[in-house]
Amino acid sequence: MRTLVTGAAGFIGSHLSRKLVQDGHEVVGIDNFDPYYSEKLKKLNLRELKKFKKFQFANIDITNLKDLEKIMKGIDLVYHLAARPGVMPSFFVPEVYHRNNVVGTFNVLFVARNTGVKKVLFCSSSSVYGQAVYLPMDENHPLNANSPYGVTKIIAEKYCLIFDTIYKLPVNIVRLFSVYGPSQRPDLSIAEWTEDIFKRKKVIARRGLEQTRSYTYIDDTVDGIVAAMNADFHGEIINIGSPVRIPVKLVVNKLIELSGIGNVKIEVHKRPDEDRLDTHANIRKAKRLLHWKPKTKIDEGLKNYVEWRKKNRKLF
């Protein structure tokens, strides 16, 4: 299969691209190097991917229809991950999030339909649920997104379902929960806490420590994404996340332990009202339809991340 991965230089996109080429797919990756965070990390991801003969890369913005039309000719499958990430920053520049996440997704779907793509897999987010009404959150949980980022993901999902039902472009949607692991974005909490430990010998809990999260290791996440693409159905929305609800305080203490740095202090700030208190993935549907469940325990996943961070200190 000739496969397109949007957002291929990013955290999840680069891991997914590596998995696909290792499985024998010809992969075309695109990314626009959005300045949301430093290009250094994305370029490191690409440097690793370019070692594979079956991987090609193009610097393309998904808001540009003409460029998408050129790159998507002859593509069989599209994994759509490209988006402006980040919940809290979305409050300050909502127009940027709408353009990238809504218009960009519409463009990907529109061009995919017109160029004969066989199937699209869209990566959404648990942010569409907002503050939990009940736990664990299943796919029928109310969509109470309380950020522009979450709202853009809801709209993008709606477009995916319209293209699936009305325009007959097969699409599946996965909602991802708190993905972490080597090469993760520097703005994600685990990366921020690790950076604090190594540079300040102090963890700054900028959003408090009372939350719980369904932390999901990157390799498990990628396996779930691929399973949703390979499934013999379409038009479904499926949670991909850890069914284990983990206190963020436990994660902070584990990172301190793994760092090997003694006397690390913890400075706790007040949790912003906009930040979700809890996420907890109900993955019964993923188990039933995809035969998928995560394999990596939090201790192992955090160890892998800290070891990667130590090897790549020059990036930070």
C-alpha atoms as a PDB file:
ATOM      1  CA  MET A   1       0.000   0.000   0.000  1.00  0.00           C
ATOM      2  CA  ARG A   2       1.135   3.551  -0.750  1.00  0.00           C
ATOM      3  CA  THR A   3       0.383   5.483   2.407  1.00  0.00           C
ATOM      4  CA  LEU A   4       0.299   9.181   3.300  1.00  0.00           C
ATOM      5  CA  VAL A   5       0.963  10.341   6.870  1.00  0.00           C
ATOM      6  CA  THR A   6       0.151  13.976   7.625  1.00  0.00           C
ATOM      7  CA  GLY A   7       2.151  15.442  10.491  1.00  0.00           C
ATOM      8  CA  ALA A   8       4.876  12.866   9.866  1.00  0.00           C
ATOM      9  CA  ALA A   9       7.642  14.866  11.543  1.00  0.00           C
ATOM     10  CA  GLY A  10       5.727  15.144  14.799  1.00  0.00           C
ATOM     11  CA  PHE A  11       5.702  12.924  17.852  1.00  0.00           C
ATOM     12  CA  ILE A  12       3.003  10.400  16.966  1.00  0.00           C
ATOM     13  CA  GLY A  13       3.355  10.824  13.189  1.00  0.00           C
ATOM     14  CA  SER A  14       7.046   9.919  13.188  1.00  0.00           C
ATOM     15  CA  HIS A  15       6.526   6.797  15.302  1.00  0.00           C
ATOM     16  CA  LEU A  16       3.618   5.768  13.083  1.00  0.00           C
ATOM     17  CA  SER A  17       5.645   6.336   9.905  1.00  0.00           C
ATOM     18  CA  ARG A  18       8.460   4.172  11.248  1.00  0.00           C
ATOM     19  CA  LYS A  19       6.025   1.388  12.089  1.00  0.00           C
ATOM     20  CA  LEU A  20       4.479   1.505   8.613  1.00  0.00           C
ATOM     21  CA  VAL A  21       7.756   1.371   6.679  1.00  0.00           C
ATOM     22  CA  GLN A  22       8.982  -1.433   8.905  1.00  0.00           C
ATOM     23  CA  ASP A  23       5.782  -3.293   8.020  1.00  0.00           C
ATOM     24  CA  GLY A  24       6.583  -2.920   4.320  1.00  0.00           C
ATOM     25  CA  HIS A  25       4.454   0.080   3.331  1.00  0.00           C
ATOM     26  CA  GLU A  26       5.670   2.832   1.039  1.00  0.00           C
ATOM     27  CA  VAL A  27       5.146   5.970   3.134  1.00  0.00           C
ATOM     28  CA  VAL A  28       4.906   9.563   2.003  1.00  0.00           C
ATOM     29  CA  GLY A  29       5.167  11.894   4.985  1.00  0.00           C
ATOM     30  CA  ILE A  30       4.187  15.537   4.995  1.00  0.00           C
ATOM     31  CA  ASP A  31       4.615  18.268   7.604  1.00  0.00           C
ATOM     32  CA  ASN A  32       4.719  22.073   7.571  1.00  0.00           C
ATOM     33  CA  PHE A  33       7.054  22.498  10.582  1.00  0.00           C
ATOM     34  CA  ASP A  34       4.523  24.595  12.439  1.00  0.00           C
ATOM     35  CA  PRO A  35       6.443  26.842  14.883  1.00  0.00           C
ATOM     36  CA  TYR A  36       4.397  25.670  17.877  1.00  0.00           C
ATOM     37  CA  TYR A  37       7.619  24.101  19.145  1.00  0.00           C
ATOM     38  CA  SER A  38      11.248  23.912  18.009  1.00  0.00           C
ATOM     39  CA  GLU A  39      12.074  22.290  14.674  1.00  0.00           C
ATOM     40  CA  LYS A  40      15.063  20.503  16.231  1.00  0.00           C
ATOM     41  CA  LEU A  41      12.968  17.648  17.527  1.00  0.00           C
ATOM     42  CA  LYS A  42      11.031  17.267  14.280  1.00  0.00           C
ATOM     43  CA  LYS A  43      14.245  17.257  12.257  1.00  0.00           C
ATOM     44  CA  LEU A  44      15.656  14.534  14.516  1.00  0.00           C
ATOM     45  CA  ASN A  45      12.518  12.474  13.882  1.00  0.00           C
ATOM     46  CA  LEU A  46      12.877  12.951  10.133  1.00  0.00           C
ATOM     47  CA  ARG A  47      16.574  12.117  10.152  1.00  0.00           C
ATOM     48  CA  GLU A  48      15.718   8.712  11.548  1.00  0.00           C
ATOM     49  CA  LEU A  49      12.901   8.170   9.049  1.00  0.00           C
ATOM     50  CA  LYS A  50      14.958   9.143   6.022  1.00  0.00           C
ATOM     51  CA  LYS A  51      17.165   6.114   6.658  1.00  0.00           C
ATOM     52  CA  PHE A  52      14.333   4.011   5.230  1.00  0.00           C
ATOM     53  CA  LYS A  53      14.224   3.738   1.428  1.00  0.00           C
ATOM     54  CA  LYS A  54      10.444   3.428   1.454  1.00  0.00           C
ATOM     55  CA  PHE A  55       9.965   6.768   3.204  1.00  0.00           C
ATOM     56  CA  GLN A  56       9.654  10.044   1.311  1.00  0.00           C
ATOM     57  CA  PHE A  57       9.051  13.488   2.792  1.00  0.00           C
ATOM     58  CA  ALA A  58       7.557  16.737   1.528  1.00  0.00           C
ATOM     59  CA  ASN A  59       7.188  20.070   3.322  1.00  0.00           C
ATOM     60  CA  ILE A  60       3.478  20.672   2.759  1.00  0.00           C
ATOM     61  CA  ASP A  61       0.812  22.604   4.631  1.00  0.00           C
ATOM     62  CA  ILE A  62      -2.578  20.879   4.657  1.00  0.00           C
ATOM     63  CA  THR A  63      -4.310  24.248   4.319  1.00  0.00           C
ATOM     64  CA  ASN A  64      -2.889  24.413   0.771  1.00  0.00           C
ATOM     65  CA  LEU A  65      -5.264  22.489  -1.503  1.00  0.00           C
ATOM     66  CA  LYS A  66      -3.040  22.529  -4.588  1.00  0.00           C
ATOM     67  CA  ASP A  67      -0.080  21.000  -2.779  1.00  0.00           C
ATOM     68  CA  LEU A  68      -2.327  18.343  -1.253  1.00  0.00           C
ATOM     69  CA  GLU A  69      -3.729  17.437  -4.661  1.00  0.00           C
ATOM     70  CA  LYS A  70      -0.239  16.900  -6.052  1.00  0.00           C
ATOM     71  CA  ILE A  71       1.038  14.783  -3.170  1.00  0.00           C
ATOM     72  CA  MET A  72      -2.088  12.644  -2.814  1.00  0.00           C
ATOM     73  CA  LYS A  73      -2.174  11.295  -6.364  1.00  0.00           C
ATOM     74  CA  GLY A  74      -1.662   7.536  -6.268  1.00  0.00           C
ATOM     75  CA  ILE A  75      -2.106   7.313  -2.486  1.00  0.00           C
ATOM     76  CA  ASP A  76      -4.110   4.357  -1.144  1.00  0.00           C
ATOM     77  CA  LEU A  77      -4.395   5.136   2.568  1.00  0.00           C
ATOM     78  CA  VAL A  78      -4.231   8.393   4.547  1.00  0.00           C
ATOM     79  CA  TYR A  79      -3.376   8.653   8.226  1.00  0.00           C
ATOM     80  CA  HIS A  80      -4.352  12.189   9.171  1.00  0.00           C
ATOM     81  CA  LEU A  81      -2.482  13.425  12.239  1.00  0.00           C
ATOM     82  CA  ALA A  82      -1.447  16.959  11.224  1.00  0.00           C
ATOM     83  CA  ALA A  83      -2.946  19.539  13.583  1.00  0.00           C
ATOM     84  CA  ARG A  84      -2.076  22.504  15.764  1.00  0.00           C
ATOM     85  CA  PRO A  85      -1.788  20.796  19.191  1.00  0.00           C
ATOM     86  CA  GLY A  86      -2.187  22.146  22.692  1.00  0.00           C
ATOM     87  CA  VAL A  87      -5.267  22.821  24.790  1.00  0.00           C
ATOM     88  CA  MET A  88      -4.265  25.883  26.815  1.00  0.00           C
ATOM     89  CA  PRO A  89      -2.555  27.786  23.933  1.00  0.00           C
ATOM     90  CA  SER A  90      -5.692  27.406  21.830  1.00  0.00           C
ATOM     91  CA  PHE A  91      -7.451  30.021  23.976  1.00  0.00           C
ATOM     92  CA  PHE A  92      -5.084  32.720  22.715  1.00  0.00           C
ATOM     93  CA  VAL A  93      -5.094  32.049  18.959  1.00  0.00           C
ATOM     94  CA  PRO A  94      -8.339  30.162  18.186  1.00  0.00           C
ATOM     95  CA  GLU A  95      -8.231  31.287  14.554  1.00  0.00           C
ATOM     96  CA  VAL A  96      -4.943  29.400  14.061  1.00  0.00           C
ATOM     97  CA  TYR A  97      -6.490  26.236  15.497  1.00  0.00           C
ATOM     98  CA  HIS A  98      -9.573  26.554  13.316  1.00  0.00           C
ATOM     99  CA  ARG A  99      -7.517  27.020  10.158  1.00  0.00           C
ATOM    100  CA  ASN A 100      -5.175  24.109  10.828  1.00  0.00           C
ATOM    101  CA  ASN A 101      -7.506  21.622  12.493  1.00  0.00           C
ATOM    102  CA  VAL A 102     -10.835  22.303  10.786  1.00  0.00           C
ATOM    103  CA  VAL A 103      -9.975  23.720   7.367  1.00  0.00           C
ATOM    104  CA  GLY A 104      -6.921  21.472   7.135  1.00  0.00           C
ATOM    105  CA  THR A 105      -8.945  18.345   7.920  1.00  0.00           C
ATOM    106  CA  PHE A 106     -11.647  19.315   5.435  1.00  0.00           C
ATOM    107  CA  ASN A 107      -8.960  19.747   2.770  1.00  0.00           C
ATOM    108  CA  VAL A 108      -7.459  16.318   3.472  1.00  0.00           C
ATOM    109  CA  LEU A 109     -10.868  14.664   3.217  1.00  0.00           C
ATOM    110  CA  PHE A 110     -11.880  16.635   0.114  1.00  0.00           C
ATOM    111  CA  VAL A 111      -8.702  15.786  -1.781  1.00  0.00           C
ATOM    112  CA  ALA A 112      -8.724  12.153  -0.585  1.00  0.00           C
ATOM    113  CA  ARG A 113     -12.218  11.685  -2.010  1.00  0.00           C
ATOM    114  CA  ASN A 114     -11.303  13.331  -5.304  1.00  0.00           C
ATOM    115  CA  THR A 115      -8.082  11.340  -5.794  1.00  0.00           C
ATOM    116  CA  GLY A 116      -9.521   7.902  -5.055  1.00  0.00           C
ATOM    117  CA  VAL A 117      -8.014   7.235  -1.639  1.00  0.00           C
ATOM    118  CA  LYS A 118      -9.328   3.931  -0.295  1.00  0.00           C
ATOM    119  CA  LYS A 119      -9.530   4.864   3.387  1.00  0.00           C
ATOM    120  CA  VAL A 120      -8.694   7.639   5.878  1.00  0.00           C
ATOM    121  CA  LEU A 121      -7.817   7.276   9.560  1.00  0.00           C
ATOM    122  CA  PHE A 122      -8.313  10.464  11.575  1.00  0.00           C
ATOM    123  CA  CYS A 123      -6.570  10.987  14.914  1.00  0.00           C
ATOM    124  CA  SER A 124      -8.834  12.905  17.260  1.00  0.00           C
ATOM    125  CA  SER A 125      -8.396  13.541  20.967  1.00  0.00           C
ATOM    126  CA  SER A 126      -9.993  12.801  24.320  1.00  0.00           C
ATOM    127  CA  SER A 127     -10.199  16.605  24.616  1.00  0.00           C
ATOM    128  CA  VAL A 128     -13.531  16.361  22.799  1.00  0.00           C
ATOM    129  CA  TYR A 129     -15.050  15.021  26.054  1.00  0.00           C
ATOM    130  CA  GLY A 130     -14.105  18.023  28.210  1.00  0.00           C
ATOM    131  CA  GLN A 131     -14.635  17.675  31.956  1.00  0.00           C
ATOM    132  CA  ALA A 132     -15.757  14.151  32.788  1.00  0.00           C
ATOM    133  CA  VAL A 133     -19.465  13.571  33.335  1.00  0.00           C
ATOM    134  CA  TYR A 134     -18.699   9.958  34.227  1.00  0.00           C
ATOM    135  CA  LEU A 135     -15.651   7.705  34.322  1.00  0.00           C
ATOM    136  CA  PRO A 136     -14.356   5.841  32.478  1.00  0.00           C
ATOM    137  CA  MET A 137     -15.256   7.791  29.341  1.00  0.00           C
ATOM    138  CA  ASP A 138     -16.714   5.703  26.544  1.00  0.00           C
ATOM    139  CA  GLU A 139     -17.362   6.863  22.985  1.00  0.00           C
ATOM    140  CA  ASN A 140     -20.913   7.926  23.934  1.00  0.00           C
ATOM    141  CA  HIS A 141     -19.704  10.336  26.608  1.00  0.00           C
ATOM    142  CA  PRO A 142     -21.088  13.874  25.995  1.00  0.00           C
ATOM    143  CA  LEU A 143     -18.850  16.075  23.847  1.00  0.00           C
ATOM    144  CA  ASN A 144     -18.265  18.897  26.321  1.00  0.00           C
ATOM    145  CA  ALA A 145     -15.011  20.286  24.922  1.00  0.00           C
ATOM    146  CA  ASN A 146     -14.057  23.351  26.935  1.00  0.00           C
ATOM    147  CA  SER A 147     -11.265  24.670  24.711  1.00  0.00           C
ATOM    148  CA  PRO A 148     -10.965  25.876  21.116  1.00  0.00           C
ATOM    149  CA  TYR A 149      -8.642  22.912  20.488  1.00  0.00           C
ATOM    150  CA  GLY A 150     -11.268  20.422  21.646  1.00  0.00           C
ATOM    151  CA  VAL A 151     -13.967  22.141  19.607  1.00  0.00           C
ATOM    152  CA  THR A 152     -11.855  21.963  16.440  1.00  0.00           C
ATOM    153  CA  LYS A 153     -11.465  18.229  16.961  1.00  0.00           C
ATOM    154  CA  ILE A 154     -15.223  17.789  17.321  1.00  0.00           C
ATOM    155  CA  ILE A 155     -15.856  19.703  14.081  1.00  0.00           C
ATOM    156  CA  ALA A 156     -13.149  17.719  12.305  1.00  0.00           C
ATOM    157  CA  GLU A 157     -14.767  14.467  13.490  1.00  0.00           C
ATOM    158  CA  LYS A 158     -18.129  15.639  12.135  1.00  0.00           C
ATOM    159  CA  TYR A 159     -16.568  16.325   8.738  1.00  0.00           C
ATOM    160  CA  CYS A 160     -15.017  12.848   8.779  1.00  0.00           C
ATOM    161  CA  LEU A 161     -18.410  11.245   9.390  1.00  0.00           C
ATOM    162  CA  ILE A 162     -20.032  13.380   6.665  1.00  0.00           C
ATOM    163  CA  PHE A 163     -17.425  12.284   4.143  1.00  0.00           C
ATOM    164  CA  ASP A 164     -17.876   8.673   5.236  1.00  0.00           C
ATOM    165  CA  THR A 165     -21.680   8.607   5.020  1.00  0.00           C
ATOM    166  CA  ILE A 166     -22.504  11.179   2.333  1.00  0.00           C
ATOM    167  CA  TYR A 167     -19.454  11.156   0.076  1.00  0.00           C
ATOM    168  CA  LYS A 168     -18.631   7.447   0.536  1.00  0.00           C
ATOM    169  CA  LEU A 169     -15.010   7.973   1.589  1.00  0.00           C
ATOM    170  CA  PRO A 170     -14.303   5.280   4.227  1.00  0.00           C
ATOM    171  CA  VAL A 171     -13.094   6.927   7.433  1.00  0.00           C
ATOM    172  CA  ASN A 172     -12.409   5.693  10.959  1.00  0.00           C
ATOM    173  CA  ILE A 173     -11.702   7.972  13.919  1.00  0.00           C
ATOM    174  CA  VAL A 174      -9.573   7.262  16.982  1.00  0.00           C
ATOM    175  CA  ARG A 175      -9.668   9.388  20.114  1.00  0.00           C
ATOM    176  CA  LEU A 176      -6.248   9.375  21.751  1.00  0.00           C
ATOM    177  CA  PHE A 177      -5.597   9.698  25.491  1.00  0.00           C
ATOM    178  CA  SER A 178      -2.450  11.321  26.995  1.00  0.00           C
ATOM    179  CA  VAL A 179       0.145   9.812  24.667  1.00  0.00           C
ATOM    180  CA  TYR A 180       3.737   9.835  25.978  1.00  0.00           C
ATOM    181  CA  GLY A 181       7.139   8.356  25.163  1.00  0.00           C
ATOM    182  CA  PRO A 182      10.447   9.051  23.411  1.00  0.00           C
ATOM    183  CA  SER A 183      10.452  12.179  21.185  1.00  0.00           C
ATOM    184  CA  GLN A 184       7.232  13.500  22.698  1.00  0.00           C
ATOM    185  CA  ARG A 185       6.435  17.186  22.344  1.00  0.00           C
ATOM    186  CA  PRO A 186       8.282  19.440  24.824  1.00  0.00           C
ATOM    187  CA  ASP A 187       5.035  21.128  25.923  1.00  0.00           C
ATOM    188  CA  LEU A 188       3.506  17.902  27.235  1.00  0.00           C
ATOM    189  CA  SER A 189       3.524  17.584  31.017  1.00  0.00           C
ATOM    190  CA  ILE A 190       5.864  14.596  31.263  1.00  0.00           C
ATOM    191  CA  ALA A 191       8.409  16.418  29.100  1.00  0.00           C
ATOM    192  CA  GLU A 192       8.033  19.635  31.108  1.00  0.00           C
ATOM    193  CA  TRP A 193       8.484  17.842  34.428  1.00  0.00           C
ATOM    194  CA  THR A 194      11.530  15.954  33.164  1.00  0.00           C
ATOM    195  CA  GLU A 195      13.027  19.211  31.897  1.00  0.00           C
ATOM    196  CA  ASP A 196      12.436  20.826  35.290  1.00  0.00           C
ATOM    197  CA  ILE A 197      14.191  17.967  37.051  1.00  0.00           C
ATOM    198  CA  PHE A 198      17.289  18.036  34.851  1.00  0.00           C
ATOM    199  CA  LYS A 199      17.651  21.821  34.597  1.00  0.00           C
ATOM    200  CA  ARG A 200      16.246  23.149  37.879  1.00  0.00           C
ATOM    201  CA  LYS A 201      16.248  20.186  40.255  1.00  0.00           C
ATOM    202  CA  LYS A 202      12.695  21.279  40.908  1.00  0.00           C
ATOM    203  CA  VAL A 203       9.396  20.128  39.392  1.00  0.00           C
ATOM    204  CA  ILE A 204       6.964  22.947  38.687  1.00  0.00           C
ATOM    205  CA  ALA A 205       3.471  21.458  38.701  1.00  0.00           C
ATOM    206  CA  ARG A 206       2.015  24.283  36.589  1.00  0.00           C
ATOM    207  CA  ARG A 207      -1.458  22.781  36.511  1.00  0.00           C
ATOM    208  CA  GLY A 208      -1.548  21.214  39.958  1.00  0.00           C
ATOM    209  CA  LEU A 209      -1.071  17.599  41.035  1.00  0.00           C
ATOM    210  CA  GLU A 210      -4.591  16.398  41.794  1.00  0.00           C
ATOM    211  CA  GLN A 211      -5.426  15.186  38.272  1.00  0.00           C
ATOM    212  CA  THR A 212      -5.528  11.647  36.950  1.00  0.00           C
ATOM    213  CA  ARG A 213      -4.808  10.633  33.371  1.00  0.00           C
ATOM    214  CA  SER A 214      -4.986   7.632  31.027  1.00  0.00           C
ATOM    215  CA  TYR A 215      -1.289   7.816  30.122  1.00  0.00           C
ATOM    216  CA  THR A 216      -0.793   5.719  26.969  1.00  0.00           C
ATOM    217  CA  TYR A 217       2.638   4.723  25.678  1.00  0.00           C
ATOM    218  CA  ILE A 218       3.472   5.716  22.112  1.00  0.00           C
ATOM    219  CA  ASP A 219       4.063   2.175  20.773  1.00  0.00           C
ATOM    220  CA  ASP A 220       0.694   1.008  22.072  1.00  0.00           C
ATOM    221  CA  THR A 221      -0.973   4.095  20.602  1.00  0.00           C
ATOM    222  CA  VAL A 222       0.548   3.449  17.182  1.00  0.00           C
ATOM    223  CA  ASP A 223      -0.604  -0.179  17.286  1.00  0.00           C
ATOM    224  CA  GLY A 224      -4.141   1.020  17.984  1.00  0.00           C
ATOM    225  CA  ILE A 225      -4.041   3.550  15.140  1.00  0.00           C
ATOM    226  CA  VAL A 226      -2.848   0.932  12.652  1.00  0.00           C
ATOM    227  CA  ALA A 227      -5.460  -1.566  13.845  1.00  0.00           C
ATOM    228  CA  ALA A 228      -8.205   1.011  13.255  1.00  0.00           C
ATOM    229  CA  MET A 229      -6.974   1.597   9.705  1.00  0.00           C
ATOM    230  CA  ASN A 230      -6.663  -2.112   8.931  1.00  0.00           C
ATOM    231  CA  ALA A 231     -10.123  -2.940  10.287  1.00  0.00           C
ATOM    232  CA  ASP A 232     -12.681  -4.176   7.762  1.00  0.00           C
ATOM    233  CA  PHE A 233     -15.234  -1.554   8.834  1.00  0.00           C
ATOM    234  CA  HIS A 234     -15.517   2.226   8.612  1.00  0.00           C
ATOM    235  CA  GLY A 235     -17.521   5.078  10.077  1.00  0.00           C
ATOM    236  CA  GLU A 236     -16.541   4.184  13.650  1.00  0.00           C
ATOM    237  CA  ILE A 237     -15.140   6.248  16.520  1.00  0.00           C
ATOM    238  CA  ILE A 238     -12.891   4.328  18.918  1.00  0.00           C
ATOM    239  CA  ASN A 239     -11.040   5.277  22.096  1.00  0.00           C
ATOM    240  CA  ILE A 240      -7.332   4.440  22.092  1.00  0.00           C
ATOM    241  CA  GLY A 241      -6.004   4.879  25.606  1.00  0.00           C
ATOM    242  CA  SER A 242      -4.889   3.142  28.750  1.00  0.00           C
ATOM    243  CA  PRO A 243      -7.732   1.773  30.885  1.00  0.00           C
ATOM    244  CA  VAL A 244      -5.573   2.455  33.944  1.00  0.00           C
ATOM    245  CA  ARG A 245      -6.254   5.796  35.653  1.00  0.00           C
ATOM    246  CA  ILE A 246      -2.937   7.153  36.926  1.00  0.00           C
ATOM    247  CA  PRO A 247      -2.455  10.078  39.380  1.00  0.00           C
ATOM    248  CA  VAL A 248      -0.118  12.709  37.939  1.00  0.00           C
ATOM    249  CA  LYS A 249       1.583  12.931  41.352  1.00  0.00           C
ATOM    250  CA  LEU A 250       2.666   9.294  40.942  1.00  0.00           C
ATOM    251  CA  VAL A 251       4.177  10.125  37.550  1.00  0.00           C
ATOM    252  CA  VAL A 252       6.088  13.112  38.932  1.00  0.00           C
ATOM    253  CA  ASN A 253       7.572  11.048  41.746  1.00  0.00           C
ATOM    254  CA  LYS A 254       8.532   8.254  39.329  1.00  0.00           C
ATOM    255  CA  LEU A 255      10.289  10.741  37.020  1.00  0.00           C
ATOM    256  CA  ILE A 256      12.265  12.093  39.979  1.00  0.00           C
ATOM    257  CA  GLU A 257      13.283   8.546  40.912  1.00  0.00           C
ATOM    258  CA  LEU A 258      14.305   7.652  37.339  1.00  0.00           C
ATOM    259  CA  SER A 259      16.349  10.839  36.914  1.00  0.00           C
ATOM    260  CA  GLY A 260      18.793   9.783  39.604  1.00  0.00           C
ATOM    261  CA  ILE A 261      18.920  13.378  40.844  1.00  0.00           C
ATOM    262  CA  GLY A 262      18.543  13.797  44.570  1.00  0.00           C
ATOM    263  CA  ASN A 263      16.719  16.468  46.601  1.00  0.00           C
ATOM    264  CA  VAL A 264      14.270  17.449  43.867  1.00  0.00           C
ATOM    265  CA  LYS A 265      11.630  19.809  45.176  1.00  0.00           C
ATOM    266  CA  ILE A 266       8.064  20.038  43.909  1.00  0.00           C
ATOM    267  CA  GLU A 267       6.403  23.431  43.452  1.00  0.00           C
ATOM    268  CA  VAL A 268       2.632  23.101  43.062  1.00  0.00           C
ATOM    269  CA  HIS A 269       0.561  25.749  41.289  1.00  0.00           C
ATOM    270  CA  LYS A 270      -3.229  26.024  41.231  1.00  0.00           C
ATOM    271  CA  ARG A 271      -4.966  23.981  38.549  1.00  0.00           C
ATOM    272  CA  PRO A 272      -6.592  26.227  35.909  1.00  0.00           C
ATOM    273  CA  ASP A 273     -10.361  25.786  35.682  1.00  0.00           C
ATOM    274  CA  GLU A 274      -9.959  24.995  31.967  1.00  0.00           C
ATOM    275  CA  ASP A 275      -7.702  22.024  32.667  1.00  0.00           C
ATOM    276  CA  ARG A 276      -9.557  18.735  32.922  1.00  0.00           C
ATOM    277  CA  LEU A 277      -9.427  17.108  36.334  1.00  0.00           C
ATOM    278  CA  ASP A 278      -9.628  13.497  35.140  1.00  0.00           C
ATOM    279  CA  THR A 279      -9.403  11.430  31.990  1.00  0.00           C
ATOM    280  CA  HIS A 280     -10.038   7.710  32.007  1.00  0.00           C
ATOM    281  CA  ALA A 281     -10.453   5.708  28.825  1.00  0.00           C
ATOM    282  CA  ASN A 282     -13.119   3.061  28.419  1.00  0.00           C
ATOM    283  CA  ILE A 283     -11.626   0.779  25.744  1.00  0.00           C
ATOM    284  CA  ARG A 284     -14.223  -1.958  25.545  1.00  0.00           C
ATOM    285  CA  LYS A 285     -14.969  -0.986  21.955  1.00  0.00           C
ATOM    286  CA  ALA A 286     -11.287  -1.131  20.976  1.00  0.00           C
ATOM    287  CA  LYS A 287     -10.986  -4.574  22.571  1.00  0.00           C
ATOM    288  CA  ARG A 288     -14.110  -5.817  20.810  1.00  0.00           C
ATOM    289  CA  LEU A 289     -13.595  -4.362  17.337  1.00  0.00           C
ATOM    290  CA  LEU A 290      -9.798  -4.108  17.098  1.00  0.00           C
ATOM    291  CA  HIS A 291      -8.670  -6.767  19.593  1.00  0.00           C
ATOM    292  CA  TRP A 292      -6.446  -4.023  20.949  1.00  0.00           C
ATOM    293  CA  LYS A 293      -5.313  -3.114  24.426  1.00  0.00           C
ATOM    294  CA  PRO A 294      -2.121  -1.390  25.645  1.00  0.00           C
ATOM    295  CA  LYS A 295       0.784  -3.533  26.785  1.00  0.00           C
ATOM    296  CA  THR A 296       3.252  -1.045  28.274  1.00  0.00           C
ATOM    297  CA  LYS A 297       3.040  -0.311  31.978  1.00  0.00           C
ATOM    298  CA  ILE A 298       3.699   3.223  33.182  1.00  0.00           C
ATOM    299  CA  ASP A 299       7.002   2.373  34.910  1.00  0.00           C
ATOM    300  CA  GLU A 300       8.442   0.867  31.737  1.00  0.00           C
ATOM    301  CA  GLY A 301       7.183   3.688  29.541  1.00  0.00           C
ATOM    302  CA  LEU A 302       8.576   6.419  31.788  1.00  0.00           C
ATOM    303  CA  LYS A 303      11.913   4.624  31.992  1.00  0.00           C
ATOM    304  CA  ASN A 304      12.115   4.535  28.201  1.00  0.00           C
ATOM    305  CA  TYR A 305      11.311   8.242  27.984  1.00  0.00           C
ATOM    306  CA  VAL A 306      13.873   9.301  30.608  1.00  0.00           C
ATOM    307  CA  GLU A 307      16.581   7.203  28.930  1.00  0.00           C
ATOM    308  CA  TRP A 308      15.763   8.841  25.572  1.00  0.00           C
ATOM    309  CA  ARG A 309      15.845  12.282  27.180  1.00  0.00           C
ATOM    310  CA  LYS A 310      19.287  11.610  28.678  1.00  0.00           C
ATOM    311  CA  LYS A 311      20.642  10.554  25.268  1.00  0.00           C
ATOM    312  CA  ASN A 312      19.298  13.680  23.569  1.00  0.00           C
ATOM    313  CA  ARG A 313      20.265  16.430  25.978  1.00  0.00           C
ATOM    314  CA  LYS A 314      21.583  18.641  23.170  1.00  0.00           C
ATOM    315  CA  LEU A 315      18.024  19.086  21.919  1.00  0.00           C
ATOM    316  CA  PHE A 316      16.964  20.809  25.132  1.00  0.00           C
END
